[in-house]
Amino acid sequence: MRKLLLITLFMVMFLISAAFAAFNMEPVSVKFYFTDLSLPLAVLLVLTLLIGMLAGAVVMWARSLKIRFDNHRLKHKLSLSEQELNSLRILPIKEPR
């Protein structure tokens, strides 16, 4: 049931996007500092969406690298703590007199 709902939602969004693209085919001029770019509105929106997705993916990748580094550092710290604990466990216990 959920799969059918997702497919239906995807089809509706696709039809809305196709209708939007069909009705907005006139070129739109975008001025940058160094050049002008003239593209259909639908193409410009898709390019903007792709650039945003790429920027988000780069940020997520950088964040995952930081998490991996922290994870590696903490595993090393845990290993050292376990070694210290094991070395303390083999020491004989001396009771005070």
Protein backbone atom coordinates (compact mmCIF):
# COMPACT_ATOMS: atom_id res chain seq x y z
CA MET A 1 0.00 0.00 0.00
CA ARG A 2 2.79 2.40 0.91
CA LYS A 3 4.64 1.62 -2.32
CA LEU A 4 1.51 2.40 -4.34
CA LEU A 5 1.10 5.70 -2.49
CA LEU A 6 4.73 6.68 -3.21
CA ILE A 7 4.40 5.79 -6.90
CA THR A 8 1.18 7.81 -7.15
CA LEU A 9 2.79 10.78 -5.39
CA PHE A 10 5.80 10.57 -7.70
CA MET A 11 3.58 10.48 -10.78
CA VAL A 12 1.55 13.50 -9.62
CA MET A 13 4.73 15.48 -8.91
CA PHE A 14 6.13 14.47 -12.29
CA LEU A 15 2.98 15.62 -14.10
CA ILE A 16 2.95 18.94 -12.22
CA SER A 17 6.64 19.46 -13.06
CA ALA A 18 6.09 18.58 -16.72
CA ALA A 19 3.14 20.99 -16.94
CA PHE A 20 5.21 23.73 -15.27
CA ALA A 21 8.06 23.15 -17.72
CA ALA A 22 5.70 23.15 -20.71
CA PHE A 23 4.07 26.45 -19.71
CA ASN A 24 7.36 28.18 -18.85
CA MET A 25 9.57 27.60 -21.87
CA GLU A 26 10.34 31.27 -22.57
CA PRO A 27 13.94 32.14 -21.76
CA VAL A 28 14.83 33.92 -18.55
CA SER A 29 17.91 36.10 -18.39
CA VAL A 30 20.18 35.75 -15.37
CA LYS A 31 22.93 38.31 -14.96
CA PHE A 32 26.14 37.37 -13.20
CA TYR A 33 29.02 39.73 -12.54
CA PHE A 34 30.89 38.64 -15.65
CA THR A 35 28.26 37.23 -18.04
CA ASP A 36 24.59 36.89 -18.91
CA LEU A 37 22.86 33.53 -19.07
CA SER A 38 19.60 32.99 -20.92
CA LEU A 39 17.83 29.69 -20.21
CA PRO A 40 14.25 28.46 -20.00
CA LEU A 41 12.83 28.87 -16.49
CA ALA A 42 12.36 25.12 -15.96
CA VAL A 43 15.98 24.40 -16.91
CA LEU A 44 17.20 27.18 -14.64
CA LEU A 45 15.20 25.79 -11.71
CA VAL A 46 16.51 22.26 -12.30
CA LEU A 47 20.10 23.55 -12.45
CA THR A 48 19.58 25.52 -9.24
CA LEU A 49 18.14 22.44 -7.54
CA LEU A 50 21.08 20.29 -8.67
CA ILE A 51 23.63 22.85 -7.48
CA GLY A 52 21.88 23.01 -4.10
CA MET A 53 21.85 19.22 -3.83
CA LEU A 54 25.54 19.09 -4.70
CA ALA A 55 26.38 21.73 -2.09
CA GLY A 56 24.37 19.81 0.52
CA ALA A 57 26.14 16.57 -0.39
CA VAL A 58 29.54 18.23 0.02
CA VAL A 59 28.56 19.58 3.45
CA MET A 60 27.25 16.15 4.52
CA TRP A 61 30.44 14.48 3.27
CA ALA A 62 32.62 16.94 5.21
CA ARG A 63 30.54 16.34 8.34
CA SER A 64 30.82 12.57 7.95
CA LEU A 65 34.62 12.89 7.69
CA LYS A 66 34.66 14.77 11.00
CA ILE A 67 32.47 12.10 12.60
CA ARG A 68 34.73 9.34 11.24
CA PHE A 69 37.80 11.08 12.64
CA ASP A 70 36.13 11.50 16.04
CA ASN A 71 35.04 7.85 15.97
CA HIS A 72 38.60 6.69 15.21
CA ARG A 73 40.00 8.90 17.99
CA LEU A 74 37.47 7.58 20.51
CA LYS A 75 38.13 3.95 19.54
CA HIS A 76 41.85 4.52 20.10
CA LYS A 77 41.14 6.14 23.47
CA LEU A 78 38.89 3.20 24.43
CA SER A 79 41.62 0.74 23.46
CA LEU A 80 44.14 2.53 25.67
CA SER A 81 41.67 2.61 28.57
CA GLU A 82 40.94 -1.11 28.19
CA GLN A 83 44.67 -1.89 28.17
CA GLU A 84 45.14 0.16 31.33
CA LEU A 85 42.19 -1.55 33.00
CA ASN A 86 43.51 -5.00 32.08
CA SER A 87 46.94 -4.13 33.44
CA LEU A 88 45.35 -2.96 36.70
CA ARG A 89 43.29 -6.16 37.00
CA ILE A 90 46.36 -8.39 37.08
CA LEU A 91 47.95 -6.49 39.97
CA PRO A 92 47.55 -8.21 43.32
CA ILE A 93 45.31 -6.53 45.86
CA LYS A 94 47.11 -5.47 49.02
CA GLU A 95 44.98 -4.90 52.05
CA PRO A 96 45.91 -2.12 54.47
CA ARG A 97 47.04 -3.22 57.99
